[in-house]
C-alpha atoms as a PDB file:
ATOM      1  CA  MET A   1     109.381  60.063  97.994  1.00  0.00           C
ATOM      2  CA  GLU A   2     105.373  59.476  97.059  1.00  0.00           C
ATOM      3  CA  TYR A   3     103.422  62.623  97.378  1.00  0.00           C
ATOM      4  CA  PHE A   4     103.316  65.769  99.350  1.00  0.00           C
ATOM      5  CA  ASN A   5     100.952  68.838  99.903  1.00  0.00           C
ATOM      6  CA  LEU A   6     102.892  71.754  98.957  1.00  0.00           C
ATOM      7  CA  MET A   7     100.703  74.321 100.534  1.00  0.00           C
ATOM      8  CA  GLU A   8     101.646  72.752 103.881  1.00  0.00           C
ATOM      9  CA  LEU A   9     105.295  74.200 103.127  1.00  0.00           C
ATOM     10  CA  VAL A  10     103.834  77.400 102.088  1.00  0.00           C
ATOM     11  CA  VAL A  11     101.245  77.959 104.734  1.00  0.00           C
ATOM     12  CA  ARG A  12     103.793  76.954 107.470  1.00  0.00           C
ATOM     13  CA  ASP A  13     106.356  79.379 106.164  1.00  0.00           C
ATOM     14  CA  THR A  14     103.869  82.167 105.977  1.00  0.00           C
ATOM     15  CA  VAL A  15     102.488  81.635 109.507  1.00  0.00           C
ATOM     16  CA  ASP A  16     105.944  81.317 111.044  1.00  0.00           C
ATOM     17  CA  GLU A  17     107.183  84.633 109.242  1.00  0.00           C
ATOM     18  CA  ILE A  18     103.869  86.670 110.865  1.00  0.00           C
ATOM     19  CA  LEU A  19     104.468  85.220 114.226  1.00  0.00           C
ATOM     20  CA  SER A  20     108.351  86.038 114.208  1.00  0.00           C
ATOM     21  CA  ARG A  21     107.813  89.524 112.942  1.00  0.00           C
ATOM     22  CA  ASP A  22     105.359  90.706 115.368  1.00  0.00           C
ATOM     23  CA  GLU A  23     106.106  90.838 119.019  1.00  0.00           C
ATOM     24  CA  SER A  24     102.681  91.268 120.287  1.00  0.00           C
ATOM     25  CA  LEU A  25     101.800  87.835 119.043  1.00  0.00           C
ATOM     26  CA  LYS A  26     104.178  86.095 121.439  1.00  0.00           C
ATOM     27  CA  ASN A  27     101.560  84.839 123.500  1.00  0.00           C
ATOM     28  CA  ILE A  28      99.617  82.764 120.816  1.00  0.00           C
ATOM     29  CA  LYS A  29     102.711  81.063 119.154  1.00  0.00           C
ATOM     30  CA  PHE A  30     101.505  77.591 120.775  1.00  0.00           C
ATOM     31  CA  HIS A  31      98.660  77.874 118.894  1.00  0.00           C
ATOM     32  CA  ARG A  32     100.989  77.418 115.676  1.00  0.00           C
ATOM     33  CA  ASN A  33      99.801  74.395 114.529  1.00  0.00           C
ATOM     34  CA  ASP A  34      96.199  75.079 115.078  1.00  0.00           C
ATOM     35  CA  ILE A  35      96.517  78.290 113.076  1.00  0.00           C
ATOM     36  CA  ILE A  36      98.468  76.227 110.296  1.00  0.00           C
ATOM     37  CA  ALA A  37      95.544  73.508 110.198  1.00  0.00           C
ATOM     38  CA  TYR A  38      92.830  76.583 110.073  1.00  0.00           C
ATOM     39  CA  VAL A  39      94.296  77.875 106.817  1.00  0.00           C
ATOM     40  CA  LEU A  40      94.796  74.417 105.172  1.00  0.00           C
ATOM     41  CA  ASN A  41      91.424  73.375 105.703  1.00  0.00           C
ATOM     42  CA  ARG A  42      90.278  76.322 103.719  1.00  0.00           C
ATOM     43  CA  ILE A  43      92.723  76.220 100.874  1.00  0.00           C
ATOM     44  CA  ALA A  44      92.926  73.950  98.047  1.00  0.00           C
ATOM     45  CA  PRO A  45      95.795  71.313  98.444  1.00  0.00           C
ATOM     46  CA  ARG A  46      98.485  71.165  96.000  1.00  0.00           C
ATOM     47  CA  TYR A  47     100.310  68.005  95.424  1.00  0.00           C
ATOM     48  CA  VAL A  48     103.822  67.029  94.112  1.00  0.00           C
ATOM     49  CA  THR A  49     105.625  63.857  93.541  1.00  0.00           C
ATOM     50  CA  SER A  50     109.305  64.732  93.609  1.00  0.00           C
ATOM     51  CA  GLU A  51     111.923  67.032  95.444  1.00  0.00           C
ATOM     52  CA  ARG A  52     112.184  68.705  92.244  1.00  0.00           C
ATOM     53  CA  GLY A  53     108.558  69.251  91.611  1.00  0.00           C
ATOM     54  CA  ILE A  54     108.510  70.851  95.273  1.00  0.00           C
ATOM     55  CA  ILE A  55     111.161  73.011  94.545  1.00  0.00           C
ATOM     56  CA  HIS A  56     109.913  74.347  91.207  1.00  0.00           C
ATOM     57  CA  ALA A  57     106.355  74.435  92.651  1.00  0.00           C
ATOM     58  CA  ARG A  58     107.288  76.590  95.672  1.00  0.00           C
ATOM     59  CA  ILE A  59     108.977  79.111  93.766  1.00  0.00           C
ATOM     60  CA  GLU A  60     106.051  79.308  91.286  1.00  0.00           C
ATOM     61  CA  SER A  61     103.768  79.763  94.206  1.00  0.00           C
ATOM     62  CA  ARG A  62     105.798  82.658  95.258  1.00  0.00           C
ATOM     63  CA  PHE A  63     104.082  84.696  92.198  1.00  0.00           C
ATOM     64  CA  LYS A  64     100.740  83.315  92.435  1.00  0.00           C
ATOM     65  CA  PHE A  65      99.721  86.605  94.340  1.00  0.00           C
ATOM     66  CA  GLN A  66      96.096  85.757  94.970  1.00  0.00           C
ATOM     67  CA  GLU A  67      96.906  82.370  96.567  1.00  0.00           C
ATOM     68  CA  ARG A  68      99.611  84.523  98.652  1.00  0.00           C
ATOM     69  CA  SER A  69      96.698  87.022  99.480  1.00  0.00           C
ATOM     70  CA  ASP A  70      94.290  84.342 100.372  1.00  0.00           C
ATOM     71  CA  ILE A  71      96.793  82.555 102.900  1.00  0.00           C
ATOM     72  CA  LEU A  72      97.825  86.167 104.641  1.00  0.00           C
ATOM     73  CA  PHE A  73      93.984  86.885 105.123  1.00  0.00           C
ATOM     74  CA  LEU A  74      93.308  83.310 106.643  1.00  0.00           C
ATOM     75  CA  ALA A  75      96.497  83.486 108.907  1.00  0.00           C
ATOM     76  CA  TYR A  76      95.393  86.881 110.325  1.00  0.00           C
ATOM     77  CA  GLU A  77      91.798  85.796 110.668  1.00  0.00           C
ATOM     78  CA  ALA A  78      92.741  82.596 112.644  1.00  0.00           C
ATOM     79  CA  ILE A  79      95.196  84.624 114.737  1.00  0.00           C
ATOM     80  CA  ASP A  80      92.361  86.854 115.440  1.00  0.00           C
ATOM     81  CA  LEU A  81      90.179  83.892 116.599  1.00  0.00           C
ATOM     82  CA  PHE A  82      92.771  82.420 118.900  1.00  0.00           C
ATOM     83  CA  LEU A  83      93.601  85.794 120.448  1.00  0.00           C
ATOM     84  CA  LYS A  84      90.075  86.298 121.290  1.00  0.00           C
ATOM     85  CA  ARG A  85      89.284  82.558 122.249  1.00  0.00           C
ATOM     86  CA  ARG A  86      92.677  82.830 124.795  1.00  0.00           C
ATOM     87  CA  GLY A  87      91.595  85.854 126.591  1.00  0.00           C
ATOM     88  CA  SER A  88      88.158  84.589 127.247  1.00  0.00           C
ATOM     89  CA  GLU A  89      89.374  81.389 128.521  1.00  0.00           C
ATOM     90  CA  THR A  90      92.018  82.556 131.028  1.00  0.00           C
ATOM     91  CA  GLY A  91      90.789  86.317 131.674  1.00  0.00           C
ATOM     92  CA  ALA A  92      93.995  87.439 130.343  1.00  0.00           C
ATOM     93  CA  VAL A  93      93.977  90.413 127.784  1.00  0.00           C
ATOM     94  CA  TYR A  94      95.971  90.102 124.797  1.00  0.00           C
ATOM     95  CA  PRO A  95      96.363  92.367 121.797  1.00  0.00           C
ATOM     96  CA  ALA A  96      93.969  91.571 119.096  1.00  0.00           C
ATOM     97  CA  ASP A  97      93.321  93.017 115.783  1.00  0.00           C
ATOM     98  CA  THR A  98      90.813  95.620 116.486  1.00  0.00           C
ATOM     99  CA  ARG A  99      90.330  97.070 112.984  1.00  0.00           C
ATOM    100  CA  THR A 100      86.655  97.640 111.811  1.00  0.00           C
ATOM    101  CA  ASN A 101      87.693  97.924 108.245  1.00  0.00           C
ATOM    102  CA  LEU A 102      90.032  95.970 105.639  1.00  0.00           C
ATOM    103  CA  LEU A 103      90.568  96.879 102.114  1.00  0.00           C
ATOM    104  CA  PRO A 104      90.824  94.194  99.230  1.00  0.00           C
ATOM    105  CA  TYR A 105      94.289  93.019  97.915  1.00  0.00           C
ATOM    106  CA  LEU A 106      94.789  94.557  94.545  1.00  0.00           C
ATOM    107  CA  ILE A 107      96.667  92.802  91.830  1.00  0.00           C
ATOM    108  CA  GLY A 108      97.279  93.848  88.421  1.00  0.00           C
ATOM    109  CA  GLU A 109      99.715  93.115  85.332  1.00  0.00           C
ATOM    110  CA  VAL A 110     101.675  95.799  83.293  1.00  0.00           C
ATOM    111  CA  LEU A 111     103.487  95.079  79.877  1.00  0.00           C
ATOM    112  CA  GLU A 112     104.997  96.874  76.961  1.00  0.00           C
ATOM    113  CA  GLU A 113     102.217  97.968  74.493  1.00  0.00           C
ATOM    114  CA  SER A 114     103.910  96.630  71.134  1.00  0.00           C
ATOM    115  CA  THR A 115     105.438  93.447  72.005  1.00  0.00           C
ATOM    116  CA  LEU A 116     103.484  92.631  75.254  1.00  0.00           C
ATOM    117  CA  SER A 117     106.927  92.298  77.072  1.00  0.00           C
ATOM    118  CA  ILE A 118     107.844  92.269  80.878  1.00  0.00           C
ATOM    119  CA  VAL A 119     109.265  95.711  81.669  1.00  0.00           C
ATOM    120  CA  PRO A 120     112.330  94.889  84.011  1.00  0.00           C
ATOM    121  CA  ASP A 121     113.216  97.636  86.640  1.00  0.00           C
ATOM    122  CA  LEU A 122     109.762  99.280  86.339  1.00  0.00           C
ATOM    123  CA  LYS A 123     108.695 100.964  89.431  1.00  0.00           C
ATOM    124  CA  VAL A 124     104.855 100.732  90.431  1.00  0.00           C
ATOM    125  CA  THR A 125     103.868 103.025  93.390  1.00  0.00           C
ATOM    126  CA  LEU A 126     100.296 102.635  94.899  1.00  0.00           C
ATOM    127  CA  MET A 127      99.525 106.366  95.855  1.00  0.00           C
ATOM    128  CA  TYR A 128      96.906 107.439  98.478  1.00  0.00           C
ATOM    129  CA  GLY A 129      96.538 111.450  98.117  1.00  0.00           C
ATOM    130  CA  ASP A 130      99.995 112.823  97.484  1.00  0.00           C
ATOM    131  CA  SER A 131     101.698 110.082  99.237  1.00  0.00           C
ATOM    132  CA  PRO A 132     102.564 106.285  98.596  1.00  0.00           C
ATOM    133  CA  ALA A 133      99.676 104.371 100.562  1.00  0.00           C
ATOM    134  CA  ARG A 134     100.679 102.383 103.624  1.00  0.00           C
ATOM    135  CA  LEU A 135     100.281  98.518 103.122  1.00  0.00           C
ATOM    136  CA  MET A 136      99.382  95.820 105.414  1.00  0.00           C
ATOM    137  CA  GLU A 137     102.491  94.089 105.410  1.00  0.00           C
ATOM    138  CA  GLU A 138     105.964  95.409 106.189  1.00  0.00           C
ATOM    139  CA  GLY A 139     107.522  93.044 103.845  1.00  0.00           C
ATOM    140  CA  TRP A 140     105.449  94.195 100.950  1.00  0.00           C
ATOM    141  CA  LYS A 141     107.156  97.026  99.042  1.00  0.00           C
ATOM    142  CA  ASN A 142     105.754 100.497  97.868  1.00  0.00           C
ATOM    143  CA  PRO A 143     106.979 101.238  95.267  1.00  0.00           C
ATOM    144  CA  TYR A 144     106.962  97.658  93.875  1.00  0.00           C
ATOM    145  CA  GLU A 145     109.594  96.638  91.189  1.00  0.00           C
ATOM    146  CA  ILE A 146     108.849  94.425  88.413  1.00  0.00           C
ATOM    147  CA  THR A 147     111.066  92.108  87.290  1.00  0.00           C
ATOM    148  CA  LYS A 148     110.979  89.228  84.791  1.00  0.00           C
ATOM    149  CA  ALA A 149     110.558  86.814  87.560  1.00  0.00           C
ATOM    150  CA  THR A 150     107.440  88.469  88.590  1.00  0.00           C
ATOM    151  CA  LYS A 151     106.236  88.012  84.701  1.00  0.00           C
ATOM    152  CA  GLY A 152     104.914  91.477  84.815  1.00  0.00           C
ATOM    153  CA  TYR A 153     102.458  91.212  87.642  1.00  0.00           C
ATOM    154  CA  TYR A 154     102.164  93.723  90.875  1.00  0.00           C
ATOM    155  CA  HIS A 155     100.362  93.495  94.203  1.00  0.00           C
ATOM    156  CA  PHE A 156      99.563  95.862  96.956  1.00  0.00           C
ATOM    157  CA  TRP A 157      97.379  95.008 100.157  1.00  0.00           C
ATOM    158  CA  PRO A 158      96.487  98.650 101.422  1.00  0.00           C
ATOM    159  CA  GLU A 159      96.020  99.401 105.072  1.00  0.00           C
ATOM    160  CA  PHE A 160      92.723 101.056 105.883  1.00  0.00           C
ATOM    161  CA  ASP A 161      93.504 104.383 107.575  1.00  0.00           C
ATOM    162  CA  ASP A 162      90.847 105.250 109.944  1.00  0.00           C
ATOM    163  CA  ALA A 163      91.699 109.093 110.390  1.00  0.00           C
ATOM    164  CA  LEU A 164      91.743 109.630 106.456  1.00  0.00           C
ATOM    165  CA  MET A 165      89.293 107.003 105.299  1.00  0.00           C
ATOM    166  CA  SER A 166      86.471 106.467 107.684  1.00  0.00           C
ATOM    167  CA  GLY A 167      82.909 107.202 106.222  1.00  0.00           C
ATOM    168  CA  LYS A 168      83.876 106.821 102.788  1.00  0.00           C
ATOM    169  CA  ASP A 169      82.065 104.467 101.000  1.00  0.00           C
ATOM    170  CA  MET A 170      84.938 103.827  98.299  1.00  0.00           C
ATOM    171  CA  ILE A 171      88.406 104.451  98.442  1.00  0.00           C
ATOM    172  CA  GLU A 172      90.549 106.171  95.810  1.00  0.00           C
ATOM    173  CA  PHE A 173      93.710 105.453  95.038  1.00  0.00           C
ATOM    174  CA  LYS A 174      96.207 105.839  92.027  1.00  0.00           C
ATOM    175  CA  ILE A 175      98.958 103.506  90.684  1.00  0.00           C
ATOM    176  CA  VAL A 176     101.947 105.228  88.707  1.00  0.00           C
ATOM    177  CA  PHE A 177     104.284 103.519  86.547  1.00  0.00           C
ATOM    178  CA  SER A 178     107.500 104.953  86.005  1.00  0.00           C
ATOM    179  CA  HIS A 179     110.779 104.134  84.009  1.00  0.00           C
ATOM    180  CA  GLU A 180     113.270 106.074  82.588  1.00  0.00           C
ATOM    181  CA  LYS A 181     112.623 104.419  79.009  1.00  0.00           C
ATOM    182  CA  PHE A 182     108.872 104.824  79.037  1.00  0.00           C
ATOM    183  CA  GLN A 183     106.330 107.244  79.335  1.00  0.00           C
ATOM    184  CA  GLU A 184     104.952 107.650  82.857  1.00  0.00           C
ATOM    185  CA  ARG A 185     101.217 106.500  83.299  1.00  0.00           C
ATOM    186  CA  THR A 186      98.885 106.731  86.066  1.00  0.00           C
ATOM    187  CA  ILE A 187      95.466 105.093  86.634  1.00  0.00           C
ATOM    188  CA  SER A 188      92.972 105.401  89.377  1.00  0.00           C
ATOM    189  CA  VAL A 189      91.325 102.485  91.093  1.00  0.00           C
ATOM    190  CA  SER A 190      88.638 102.312  93.656  1.00  0.00           C
ATOM    191  CA  VAL A 191      87.824  99.940  96.287  1.00  0.00           C
ATOM    192  CA  LYS A 192      85.225  99.223  98.647  1.00  0.00           C
ATOM    193  CA  PRO A 193      86.087  98.739 102.475  1.00  0.00           C
ATOM    194  CA  ALA A 194      84.867  95.374 103.984  1.00  0.00           C
ATOM    195  CA  ALA A 195      84.143  93.937 107.418  1.00  0.00           C
ATOM    196  CA  SER A 196      86.964  92.558 108.948  1.00  0.00           C
ATOM    197  CA  ALA A 197      85.345  89.255 109.046  1.00  0.00           C
ATOM    198  CA  GLU A 198      85.070  89.197 105.285  1.00  0.00           C
ATOM    199  CA  THR A 199      88.286  87.952 104.226  1.00  0.00           C
ATOM    200  CA  GLY A 200      90.020  86.608 101.054  1.00  0.00           C
ATOM    201  CA  LYS A 201      88.677  89.562  98.763  1.00  0.00           C
ATOM    202  CA  ALA A 202      90.707  90.761  95.942  1.00  0.00           C
ATOM    203  CA  VAL A 203      90.528  93.286  93.170  1.00  0.00           C
ATOM    204  CA  SER A 204      91.710  92.915  89.723  1.00  0.00           C
ATOM    205  CA  VAL A 205      93.094  95.744  88.297  1.00  0.00           C
ATOM    206  CA  PRO A 206      93.072  95.967  84.288  1.00  0.00           C
ATOM    207  CA  LEU A 207      96.007  95.245  82.282  1.00  0.00           C
ATOM    208  CA  VAL A 208      98.105  98.365  81.824  1.00  0.00           C
ATOM    209  CA  LEU A 209     100.087  98.943  78.440  1.00  0.00           C
ATOM    210  CA  LEU A 210     103.089 101.355  78.621  1.00  0.00           C
ATOM    211  CA  LYS A 211     104.746 103.125  75.607  1.00  0.00           C
ATOM    212  CA  LEU A 212     108.372 103.544  74.960  1.00  0.00           C
ATOM    213  CA  LYS A 213     109.587 107.100  74.960  1.00  0.00           C
ATOM    214  CA  LYS A 214     110.353 108.549  71.598  1.00  0.00           C
ATOM    215  CA  GLY A 215     113.830 107.116  69.981  1.00  0.00           C
ATOM    216  CA  ILE A 216     114.054 104.209  72.511  1.00  0.00           C
ATOM    217  CA  ASN A 217     114.328 100.684  70.923  1.00  0.00           C
ATOM    218  CA  ALA A 218     112.804  97.733  72.445  1.00  0.00           C
ATOM    219  CA  ASP A 219     115.450  95.359  71.835  1.00  0.00           C
ATOM    220  CA  PHE A 220     116.489  95.503  75.530  1.00  0.00           C
ATOM    221  CA  LEU A 221     113.328  94.348  76.716  1.00  0.00           C
ATOM    222  CA  HIS A 222     114.439  90.736  74.947  1.00  0.00           C
ATOM    223  CA  ASN A 223     117.913  90.602  76.605  1.00  0.00           C
END
């Protein structure tokens, strides 16, 4: 093959996943190609030159969480625009995103402190108050489980709760790191709500280093 923009595949898969999962979006599925074009025109292309290149780059792109965040934000922005446009053109009323606040996407990294190794099977939980925070995407898990494939990174996109968060300039979350062989650790992170039109924002959480419990050998981290 000659060359190919890998992001066409990534964006297409993301848009198809969103449209297939939400029944309320069935009325704009004929805008699928417009939505894909909208996103592609707002992100950098990524060209590969072989079938093997597509496979490896596509796998790698799964773990580029900022990139995934940008694509999701842009896809929902395009969907919102087409829902409103279609309704004004036909007089029909379609379900649209009526949220007035949007929280930023959170991305962080956690490692073992002495060897800077990835900690497999580590649970990372985003807490709001005494409960796990609700996330924007059903497919994103909370708690999130760290694996070697994720290279120590975790990511959350918390949902704005009108009943609990309205009127607050900053929203306070806690991130809890738990593993049977490590001392549990909790950190705080504060984020600022943004207008729904302000997309693509993300907050980078400082690197977290975990301590092994007394008597635990770190050799298992290198297996």
